[in-house]
Amino acid sequence: MLPTALTTVLLLPLLDYFAGTNSREQQHTTKHEPPRLQFELRHQHAVSPDAHVVFSDVQPAEARNLAGGNQTTYSLWTRNISSFRPPSFSEHEAARIRSIRHAQSTDFPWHEDEIIGPNVESRETLLELAKMTNNAYVTLDDPVWYQLSDKWTNHYPFGWEPGADGFRGYVFATADNSTIILSIKGTSAAVFGSGGPTAKKDKLNDNLLFSCCCARIDWTWTTVCGCYRGGWKCDQDCLEQALVDDNLFYPIGTNLYNNLTYMYPTSNIWIIGHSLGGALSSLLGVTFGVPAVAFESPGEKLAAKRLHLPSPPSTQHVTHVYHTADPIAMGICNGIFSSCALGGYAMETRCHLGESIVYDTVSNLSWSVDIRTHGIINVIDNVLSQPWQASLEVGREVPLAEREMDCVECYSWEFGDFPPSVG
């Protein structure tokens, strides 16, 4: 047996080594742990009648006054994610045009980046993002405005000038402008919640993006584009051209994003939205390779195909969050007697890009499938505000985000080259 003094001499270096190893591991973990970010309201964003993007700055003191006591800050957990960006927007747009006009795909190099994105595995983060999407529908002093944590304090609204009838929402930013969140308003209509001045353009965009063929439900419907060719035939080229109008929301969204990157050239940008706003968020996220979170969005994968969006190697930076009692997100709010059709909406698509976090409210909460569950306030109050027991039982905070496999939509239709009949 070694003398005590000698034992001490031999053990101390080993203890120091292991202690140092633990310390180094802790430093390494701390160094790479994604930060928790604080956001504040900065701008309102809107679109003028001639389709120009406009911004209205909101200073912190002004935001507090306008909010009438409602809190205007948010705190979000983040994570490192991989994202694929096109070389430039001009090259991306040229590839789209080449595909539309000549049916030729362009093989340009996608740039893979590791960026900070929202931690969608955190219930608290999803809850805060959902509140941001809700607030895109309302003014700061509206009692429906959700209070936010003190970590998001700057916001800029868009689309709120008197008479504004289209694309609008808010822009949130961290105090150092390192991360910007663009929140896009979804559909305003009595069938989905409240109406408003944007309802007409919202319906046009919904029926173009999420119907199989120009919102042709049956012979009693007036179509929103002239691509229907009788029976179950629809002209594909006509459909694609119908989506490139500068007054439609996708081109307006790309313009808005480009304006944001001009204002914040070094910032990390996230895009979020609910319903129509969620689908647009996803489409913009795929276009620019930035994190996007969509709540209760209709299926937008068909719209991406019709817009000829070049497909990046991965769309894992796009996350959909919805529940099984929402017929719009589930793609089952269709047919002549559906709630959507009765409200004048042809919501026929069901396939989503990226990955989906699906809350099974039908099985776990015994909800019935009902269009009234589609609203974001319902999601905030009844899905995200409380721990999700089914996830807790498997050691998670939220359901696992997964790709939608073997998704089929509009299977009854035949799409092709069907010129309009003459005479």
Protein backbone atom coordinates (compact mmCIF):
# COMPACT_ATOMS: atom_id res chain seq x y z
CA MET A 1 0.00 0.00 0.00
CA LEU A 2 1.38 3.40 -0.98
CA PRO A 3 2.09 6.01 1.68
CA THR A 4 -0.62 8.63 2.08
CA ALA A 5 1.62 11.47 0.92
CA LEU A 6 2.65 9.58 -2.23
CA THR A 7 -0.98 8.67 -2.96
CA THR A 8 -1.92 12.33 -2.73
CA VAL A 9 0.90 13.33 -5.08
CA LEU A 10 -0.28 10.79 -7.68
CA LEU A 11 -4.00 11.49 -7.39
CA LEU A 12 -3.95 15.29 -7.43
CA PRO A 13 -2.76 15.59 -11.07
CA LEU A 14 -5.44 13.08 -12.12
CA LEU A 15 -8.14 14.97 -10.23
CA ASP A 16 -6.92 18.24 -11.73
CA TYR A 17 -7.01 16.72 -15.20
CA PHE A 18 -10.57 15.40 -14.90
CA ALA A 19 -11.73 18.60 -13.25
CA GLY A 20 -10.13 20.53 -16.08
CA THR A 21 -11.78 18.25 -18.62
CA ASN A 22 -15.19 18.88 -17.09
CA SER A 23 -14.50 22.58 -17.03
CA ARG A 24 -13.43 22.56 -20.67
CA GLU A 25 -16.54 20.56 -21.62
CA GLN A 26 -18.73 23.07 -19.79
CA GLN A 27 -16.97 25.95 -21.54
CA HIS A 28 -17.40 24.19 -24.88
CA THR A 29 -21.11 23.60 -24.23
CA THR A 30 -21.65 27.15 -23.05
CA LYS A 31 -19.81 28.56 -26.04
CA HIS A 32 -21.99 26.75 -28.56
CA GLU A 33 -25.31 26.86 -26.74
CA PRO A 34 -27.74 28.90 -28.87
CA PRO A 35 -28.82 32.09 -27.10
CA ARG A 36 -32.23 33.09 -25.83
CA LEU A 37 -33.22 36.17 -27.82
CA GLN A 38 -35.35 39.15 -26.82
CA PHE A 39 -37.48 40.86 -29.45
CA GLU A 40 -39.34 44.15 -29.59
CA LEU A 41 -41.84 45.65 -32.01
CA ARG A 42 -40.11 47.83 -34.64
CA HIS A 43 -42.28 48.39 -37.73
CA GLN A 44 -45.66 47.95 -39.24
CA HIS A 45 -45.55 46.79 -42.86
CA ALA A 46 -48.20 47.20 -45.53
CA VAL A 47 -48.73 47.37 -49.25
CA SER A 48 -50.01 50.48 -51.00
CA PRO A 49 -52.82 50.26 -53.59
CA ASP A 50 -50.18 50.24 -56.36
CA ALA A 51 -48.43 47.20 -54.77
CA HIS A 52 -45.52 49.12 -53.21
CA VAL A 53 -44.24 47.93 -49.83
CA VAL A 54 -44.37 50.61 -47.14
CA PHE A 55 -43.10 50.64 -43.57
CA SER A 56 -44.14 52.60 -40.51
CA ASP A 57 -41.61 52.85 -37.70
CA VAL A 58 -42.80 52.36 -34.15
CA GLN A 59 -40.52 53.65 -31.42
CA PRO A 60 -40.50 51.74 -28.10
CA ALA A 61 -42.20 54.55 -26.16
CA GLU A 62 -44.79 54.96 -28.90
CA ALA A 63 -45.42 51.21 -28.95
CA ARG A 64 -46.09 51.18 -25.20
CA ASN A 65 -48.47 54.11 -25.51
CA LEU A 66 -50.33 52.63 -28.47
CA ALA A 67 -50.54 49.25 -26.80
CA GLY A 68 -52.65 50.69 -23.98
CA GLY A 69 -50.94 48.55 -21.37
CA ASN A 70 -50.48 45.48 -23.58
CA GLN A 71 -46.93 44.21 -23.44
CA THR A 72 -45.01 44.31 -26.74
CA THR A 73 -41.94 42.14 -26.05
CA TYR A 74 -41.09 38.47 -26.65
CA SER A 75 -38.45 36.03 -25.45
CA LEU A 76 -37.55 32.99 -27.58
CA TRP A 77 -35.23 30.02 -27.27
CA THR A 78 -33.12 29.36 -30.35
CA ARG A 79 -31.19 26.49 -31.92
CA ASN A 80 -28.59 26.03 -34.65
CA ILE A 81 -30.08 24.85 -37.94
CA SER A 82 -28.82 24.23 -41.46
CA SER A 83 -30.26 26.35 -44.23
CA PHE A 84 -29.76 26.39 -48.00
CA ARG A 85 -29.78 29.76 -49.72
CA PRO A 86 -29.69 30.56 -53.45
CA PRO A 87 -26.64 32.46 -54.72
CA SER A 88 -28.82 35.57 -55.07
CA PHE A 89 -32.46 36.46 -55.44
CA SER A 90 -31.90 37.57 -59.04
CA GLU A 91 -30.49 34.12 -59.95
CA HIS A 92 -33.36 32.44 -58.10
CA GLU A 93 -35.92 34.55 -59.99
CA ALA A 94 -34.17 33.92 -63.33
CA ALA A 95 -34.35 30.17 -62.65
CA ARG A 96 -38.09 30.47 -61.92
CA ILE A 97 -38.72 32.41 -65.13
CA ARG A 98 -36.69 29.95 -67.20
CA SER A 99 -38.68 27.09 -65.73
CA ILE A 100 -42.02 28.84 -66.37
CA ARG A 101 -41.26 29.91 -69.94
CA HIS A 102 -39.12 27.07 -71.22
CA ALA A 103 -39.71 24.16 -68.77
CA GLN A 104 -35.96 24.15 -68.12
CA SER A 105 -34.56 23.63 -64.63
CA THR A 106 -31.44 25.47 -63.50
CA ASP A 107 -28.79 23.70 -61.46
CA PHE A 108 -27.22 26.52 -59.46
CA PRO A 109 -25.16 26.04 -56.31
CA TRP A 110 -27.09 26.34 -53.05
CA HIS A 111 -25.09 27.82 -50.18
CA GLU A 112 -25.42 25.82 -46.97
CA ASP A 113 -25.23 27.91 -43.81
CA GLU A 114 -25.54 27.10 -40.12
CA ILE A 115 -27.72 29.82 -38.68
CA ILE A 116 -29.62 30.62 -35.51
CA GLY A 117 -33.29 29.69 -35.82
CA PRO A 118 -36.21 29.39 -33.42
CA ASN A 119 -36.12 26.31 -31.22
CA VAL A 120 -39.32 24.66 -32.41
CA GLU A 121 -38.82 21.84 -29.92
CA SER A 122 -39.61 24.34 -27.14
CA ARG A 123 -43.30 24.81 -26.28
CA GLU A 124 -42.57 28.25 -24.86
CA THR A 125 -40.97 29.34 -28.13
CA LEU A 126 -43.90 28.08 -30.22
CA LEU A 127 -46.26 29.89 -27.87
CA GLU A 128 -44.41 33.20 -28.25
CA LEU A 129 -44.25 32.84 -32.04
CA ALA A 130 -47.98 32.06 -32.13
CA LYS A 131 -48.67 35.25 -30.17
CA MET A 132 -46.63 37.19 -32.72
CA THR A 133 -48.70 35.73 -35.55
CA ASN A 134 -51.93 36.61 -33.76
CA ASN A 135 -50.79 40.18 -33.25
CA ALA A 136 -50.36 40.59 -37.02
CA TYR A 137 -54.16 40.64 -37.24
CA VAL A 138 -54.79 43.47 -34.78
CA THR A 139 -53.68 46.96 -33.79
CA LEU A 140 -51.55 47.51 -30.71
CA ASP A 141 -54.41 48.78 -28.54
CA ASP A 142 -56.75 45.93 -29.48
CA PRO A 143 -57.65 43.78 -26.43
CA VAL A 144 -56.91 40.70 -28.56
CA TRP A 145 -53.22 41.76 -28.74
CA TYR A 146 -51.26 39.17 -26.75
CA GLN A 147 -48.79 40.31 -24.16
CA LEU A 148 -45.22 39.35 -24.94
CA SER A 149 -42.23 38.71 -22.75
CA ASP A 150 -39.73 41.48 -22.13
CA LYS A 151 -37.15 40.07 -24.54
CA TRP A 152 -38.83 41.23 -27.77
CA THR A 153 -39.45 44.94 -27.55
CA ASN A 154 -39.14 46.55 -31.00
CA HIS A 155 -41.80 46.21 -33.69
CA TYR A 156 -42.55 47.79 -37.06
CA PRO A 157 -46.06 47.24 -38.50
CA PHE A 158 -46.93 47.00 -42.20
CA GLY A 159 -50.28 47.30 -44.02
CA TRP A 160 -52.13 49.38 -41.44
CA GLU A 161 -52.80 52.67 -43.21
CA PRO A 162 -56.49 53.60 -43.56
CA GLY A 163 -58.10 51.62 -46.33
CA ALA A 164 -55.27 49.10 -46.61
CA ASP A 165 -56.79 45.98 -48.11
CA GLY A 166 -54.02 43.46 -48.55
CA PHE A 167 -50.69 42.11 -47.32
CA ARG A 168 -49.79 43.39 -43.84
CA GLY A 169 -48.27 42.58 -40.47
CA TYR A 170 -45.44 43.49 -38.10
CA VAL A 171 -41.67 43.34 -37.92
CA PHE A 172 -40.00 42.44 -34.61
CA ALA A 173 -36.32 42.83 -33.82
CA THR A 174 -33.78 42.15 -31.12
CA ALA A 175 -32.28 45.24 -29.48
CA ASP A 176 -29.03 44.82 -31.42
CA ASN A 177 -30.83 44.04 -34.72
CA SER A 178 -29.04 40.70 -34.95
CA THR A 179 -32.33 38.86 -35.60
CA ILE A 180 -35.48 40.15 -37.29
CA ILE A 181 -38.89 38.44 -37.33
CA LEU A 182 -41.35 39.19 -40.12
CA SER A 183 -44.90 38.34 -39.02
CA ILE A 184 -47.47 38.08 -41.85
CA LYS A 185 -51.22 38.35 -41.35
CA GLY A 186 -53.40 35.47 -42.47
CA THR A 187 -56.94 35.42 -43.82
CA SER A 188 -59.46 37.88 -42.38
CA ALA A 189 -62.95 36.57 -43.05
CA ALA A 190 -66.09 35.83 -41.11
CA VAL A 191 -65.78 32.11 -41.87
CA PHE A 192 -62.31 32.00 -40.23
CA GLY A 193 -62.74 34.64 -37.53
CA SER A 194 -63.26 38.36 -38.07
CA GLY A 195 -63.65 40.11 -41.39
CA GLY A 196 -62.06 43.39 -42.37
CA PRO A 197 -60.77 45.46 -45.28
CA THR A 198 -58.29 42.76 -46.36
CA ALA A 199 -60.91 40.00 -46.67
CA LYS A 200 -61.47 40.37 -50.44
CA LYS A 201 -57.78 40.09 -51.40
CA ASP A 202 -57.25 37.38 -48.79
CA LYS A 203 -59.98 35.29 -50.42
CA LEU A 204 -58.52 35.81 -53.90
CA ASN A 205 -55.10 34.63 -52.75
CA ASP A 206 -56.55 31.69 -50.81
CA ASN A 207 -58.57 30.51 -53.81
CA LEU A 208 -55.64 30.85 -56.22
CA LEU A 209 -53.01 29.24 -53.98
CA PHE A 210 -54.98 26.46 -52.31
CA SER A 211 -57.57 25.29 -54.83
CA CYS A 212 -56.97 22.61 -57.42
CA CYS A 213 -58.17 24.68 -60.39
CA CYS A 214 -59.14 28.34 -59.97
CA ALA A 215 -61.61 27.55 -57.15
CA ARG A 216 -63.81 25.44 -59.43
CA ILE A 217 -65.94 23.57 -56.88
CA ASP A 218 -68.97 22.95 -59.11
CA TRP A 219 -70.89 24.66 -61.91
CA THR A 220 -72.37 27.27 -59.56
CA TRP A 221 -68.97 28.79 -58.71
CA THR A 222 -67.36 31.70 -60.51
CA THR A 223 -63.70 30.80 -60.98
CA VAL A 224 -60.89 33.17 -59.95
CA CYS A 225 -58.87 32.48 -63.11
CA GLY A 226 -59.69 31.27 -66.61
CA CYS A 227 -57.92 27.91 -66.58
CA TYR A 228 -60.81 25.49 -66.17
CA ARG A 229 -61.40 23.49 -69.36
CA GLY A 230 -64.46 21.42 -68.53
CA GLY A 231 -64.91 18.13 -66.73
CA TRP A 232 -61.86 17.58 -64.54
CA LYS A 233 -59.37 19.27 -66.88
CA CYS A 234 -57.27 22.32 -66.01
CA ASP A 235 -54.64 24.13 -68.09
CA GLN A 236 -51.32 23.98 -66.22
CA ASP A 237 -49.60 26.92 -67.95
CA CYS A 238 -52.64 29.10 -67.34
CA LEU A 239 -52.57 28.24 -63.62
CA GLU A 240 -48.92 29.14 -63.31
CA GLN A 241 -49.37 32.46 -65.08
CA ALA A 242 -52.27 33.29 -62.76
CA LEU A 243 -49.87 33.25 -59.78
CA VAL A 244 -47.29 35.74 -61.13
CA ASP A 245 -49.42 38.89 -60.93
CA ASP A 246 -47.51 41.59 -59.01
CA ASN A 247 -50.61 42.33 -56.91
CA LEU A 248 -50.71 38.78 -55.51
CA PHE A 249 -49.19 38.07 -52.14
CA TYR A 250 -46.17 35.93 -53.09
CA PRO A 251 -44.45 38.56 -55.28
CA ILE A 252 -45.38 41.20 -52.71
CA GLY A 253 -43.76 39.02 -50.04
CA THR A 254 -40.51 38.70 -51.99
CA ASN A 255 -40.48 42.46 -52.42
CA LEU A 256 -41.04 42.93 -48.69
CA TYR A 257 -38.23 40.53 -47.82
CA ASN A 258 -35.84 42.32 -50.16
CA ASN A 259 -36.77 45.62 -48.51
CA LEU A 260 -36.01 44.11 -45.11
CA THR A 261 -32.60 42.86 -46.21
CA TYR A 262 -31.83 46.36 -47.50
CA MET A 263 -32.79 47.84 -44.11
CA TYR A 264 -31.00 45.07 -42.15
CA PRO A 265 -28.24 43.74 -44.43
CA THR A 266 -26.42 41.77 -41.73
CA SER A 267 -29.40 40.52 -39.73
CA ASN A 268 -30.71 36.98 -39.46
CA ILE A 269 -34.36 37.02 -40.65
CA TRP A 270 -37.15 34.65 -39.60
CA ILE A 271 -40.64 34.59 -41.14
CA ILE A 272 -43.81 33.52 -39.35
CA GLY A 273 -47.54 33.55 -40.00
CA HIS A 274 -50.90 31.90 -39.47
CA SER A 275 -53.18 30.34 -42.12
CA LEU A 276 -52.58 32.19 -45.42
CA GLY A 277 -49.79 34.10 -43.65
CA GLY A 278 -48.22 30.80 -42.64
CA ALA A 279 -48.28 29.46 -46.19
CA LEU A 280 -46.66 32.66 -47.46
CA SER A 281 -44.06 32.40 -44.70
CA SER A 282 -43.18 28.90 -45.85
CA LEU A 283 -42.95 29.92 -49.52
CA LEU A 284 -40.68 32.85 -48.64
CA GLY A 285 -38.62 30.64 -46.33
CA VAL A 286 -37.99 28.20 -49.18
CA THR A 287 -37.24 31.04 -51.60
CA PHE A 288 -34.65 32.74 -49.43
CA GLY A 289 -33.43 29.87 -47.27
CA VAL A 290 -34.46 31.47 -43.97
CA PRO A 291 -36.24 29.92 -40.96
CA ALA A 292 -40.03 29.93 -41.27
CA VAL A 293 -42.72 28.79 -38.83
CA ALA A 294 -46.30 28.44 -40.09
CA PHE A 295 -49.33 27.89 -37.85
CA GLU A 296 -52.46 26.12 -39.17
CA SER A 297 -51.39 26.68 -42.77
CA PRO A 298 -53.21 25.15 -45.73
CA GLY A 299 -51.02 22.90 -47.85
CA GLU A 300 -48.64 25.11 -49.86
CA LYS A 301 -46.52 22.46 -51.58
CA LEU A 302 -48.66 22.58 -54.75
CA ALA A 303 -48.38 26.37 -54.85
CA ALA A 304 -44.58 26.09 -54.62
CA LYS A 305 -44.63 23.77 -57.62
CA ARG A 306 -46.88 26.08 -59.63
CA LEU A 307 -44.67 29.05 -58.74
CA HIS A 308 -41.70 27.04 -60.06
CA LEU A 309 -39.70 27.62 -56.91
CA PRO A 310 -36.26 25.99 -57.32
CA SER A 311 -36.05 23.16 -54.81
CA PRO A 312 -33.21 23.43 -52.26
CA PRO A 313 -31.46 20.24 -51.04
CA SER A 314 -33.44 20.46 -47.78
CA THR A 315 -36.42 22.40 -46.43
CA GLN A 316 -35.95 21.43 -42.77
CA HIS A 317 -35.71 25.13 -41.87
CA VAL A 318 -39.46 25.36 -42.58
CA THR A 319 -41.74 24.15 -39.78
CA HIS A 320 -45.52 23.76 -39.82
CA VAL A 321 -47.50 23.63 -36.58
CA TYR A 322 -51.12 22.51 -36.68
CA HIS A 323 -53.65 20.23 -35.00
CA THR A 324 -55.85 17.41 -36.28
CA ALA A 325 -59.20 19.12 -35.62
CA ASP A 326 -58.43 21.92 -38.10
CA PRO A 327 -59.97 20.91 -41.46
CA ILE A 328 -58.00 23.60 -43.33
CA ALA A 329 -54.53 22.50 -42.23
CA MET A 330 -55.55 18.84 -42.56
CA GLY A 331 -56.76 19.43 -46.13
CA ILE A 332 -60.30 18.17 -45.57
CA CYS A 333 -62.26 21.45 -45.72
CA ASN A 334 -63.41 20.80 -49.26
CA GLY A 335 -66.48 19.73 -51.16
CA ILE A 336 -69.56 21.73 -52.04
CA PHE A 337 -71.09 21.39 -48.55
CA SER A 338 -67.93 22.06 -46.53
CA SER A 339 -67.68 25.04 -44.20
CA CYS A 340 -64.99 26.54 -46.45
CA ALA A 341 -67.10 26.24 -49.59
CA LEU A 342 -70.11 27.73 -47.84
CA GLY A 343 -67.93 30.75 -47.03
CA GLY A 344 -66.73 31.03 -50.63
CA TYR A 345 -63.31 29.38 -50.13
CA ALA A 346 -61.91 26.48 -52.14
CA MET A 347 -59.35 25.12 -49.65
CA GLU A 348 -58.45 21.86 -51.39
CA THR A 349 -54.70 21.35 -50.86
CA ARG A 350 -53.23 19.37 -47.97
CA CYS A 351 -49.48 18.78 -48.55
CA HIS A 352 -46.92 20.90 -46.67
CA LEU A 353 -43.28 21.73 -47.29
CA GLY A 354 -40.59 21.21 -44.66
CA GLU A 355 -41.47 19.39 -41.44
CA SER A 356 -44.73 19.37 -39.49
CA ILE A 357 -45.43 19.38 -35.76
CA VAL A 358 -48.92 17.91 -35.52
CA TYR A 359 -50.94 18.05 -32.30
CA ASP A 360 -53.49 15.23 -32.27
CA THR A 361 -56.28 17.16 -30.59
CA VAL A 362 -58.90 14.73 -31.91
CA SER A 363 -57.42 11.75 -30.05
CA ASN A 364 -55.87 13.48 -27.04
CA LEU A 365 -58.41 16.22 -26.35
CA SER A 366 -61.50 14.59 -27.94
CA TRP A 367 -62.02 17.59 -30.23
CA SER A 368 -64.32 17.32 -33.22
CA VAL A 369 -63.09 18.45 -36.62
CA ASP A 370 -64.48 21.97 -36.86
CA ILE A 371 -63.45 25.06 -38.82
CA ARG A 372 -63.88 27.11 -35.64
CA THR A 373 -60.73 25.47 -34.25
CA HIS A 374 -58.64 27.02 -37.06
CA GLY A 375 -58.13 30.39 -35.37
CA ILE A 376 -54.74 31.21 -33.85
CA ILE A 377 -56.28 32.31 -30.55
CA ASN A 378 -57.67 28.82 -30.11
CA VAL A 379 -54.21 27.37 -30.76
CA ILE A 380 -52.61 29.75 -28.25
CA ASP A 381 -55.14 29.28 -25.47
CA ASN A 382 -56.04 25.61 -25.84
CA VAL A 383 -53.04 23.89 -27.44
CA LEU A 384 -49.80 25.74 -26.67
CA SER A 385 -50.48 27.42 -23.34
CA GLN A 386 -50.41 24.17 -21.37
CA PRO A 387 -47.89 21.29 -21.41
CA TRP A 388 -48.78 18.67 -24.02
CA GLN A 389 -49.16 15.45 -22.03
CA ALA A 390 -48.61 13.08 -24.96
CA SER A 391 -45.21 14.68 -25.61
CA LEU A 392 -44.21 14.83 -21.94
CA GLU A 393 -44.74 11.08 -21.69
CA VAL A 394 -41.95 10.51 -24.24
CA GLY A 395 -39.61 13.15 -22.82
CA ARG A 396 -40.49 15.98 -25.22
CA GLU A 397 -42.19 19.36 -24.94
CA VAL A 398 -43.93 19.25 -28.33
CA PRO A 399 -44.74 16.54 -30.91
CA LEU A 400 -41.86 15.45 -33.12
CA ALA A 401 -41.38 17.48 -36.31
CA GLU A 402 -41.58 15.13 -39.29
CA ARG A 403 -41.80 15.29 -43.06
CA GLU A 404 -45.20 14.48 -44.55
CA MET A 405 -44.75 11.28 -46.52
CA ASP A 406 -46.87 9.98 -49.43
CA CYS A 407 -49.10 13.07 -49.46
CA VAL A 408 -51.50 13.22 -52.43
CA GLU A 409 -53.86 16.04 -53.39
CA CYS A 410 -56.10 17.05 -56.31
CA TYR A 411 -55.98 13.47 -57.56
CA SER A 412 -59.27 13.79 -59.48
CA TRP A 413 -57.93 16.53 -61.74
CA GLU A 414 -56.01 16.25 -64.99
CA PHE A 415 -53.47 19.05 -65.47
CA GLY A 416 -51.87 19.65 -68.85
CA ASP A 417 -51.85 21.67 -72.06
CA PHE A 418 -55.53 22.38 -72.64
CA PRO A 419 -55.97 25.50 -74.83
CA PRO A 420 -59.28 27.33 -74.41
CA SER A 421 -61.96 26.34 -76.85
CA VAL A 422 -62.67 28.74 -79.71
CA GLY A 423 -66.16 29.90 -80.51
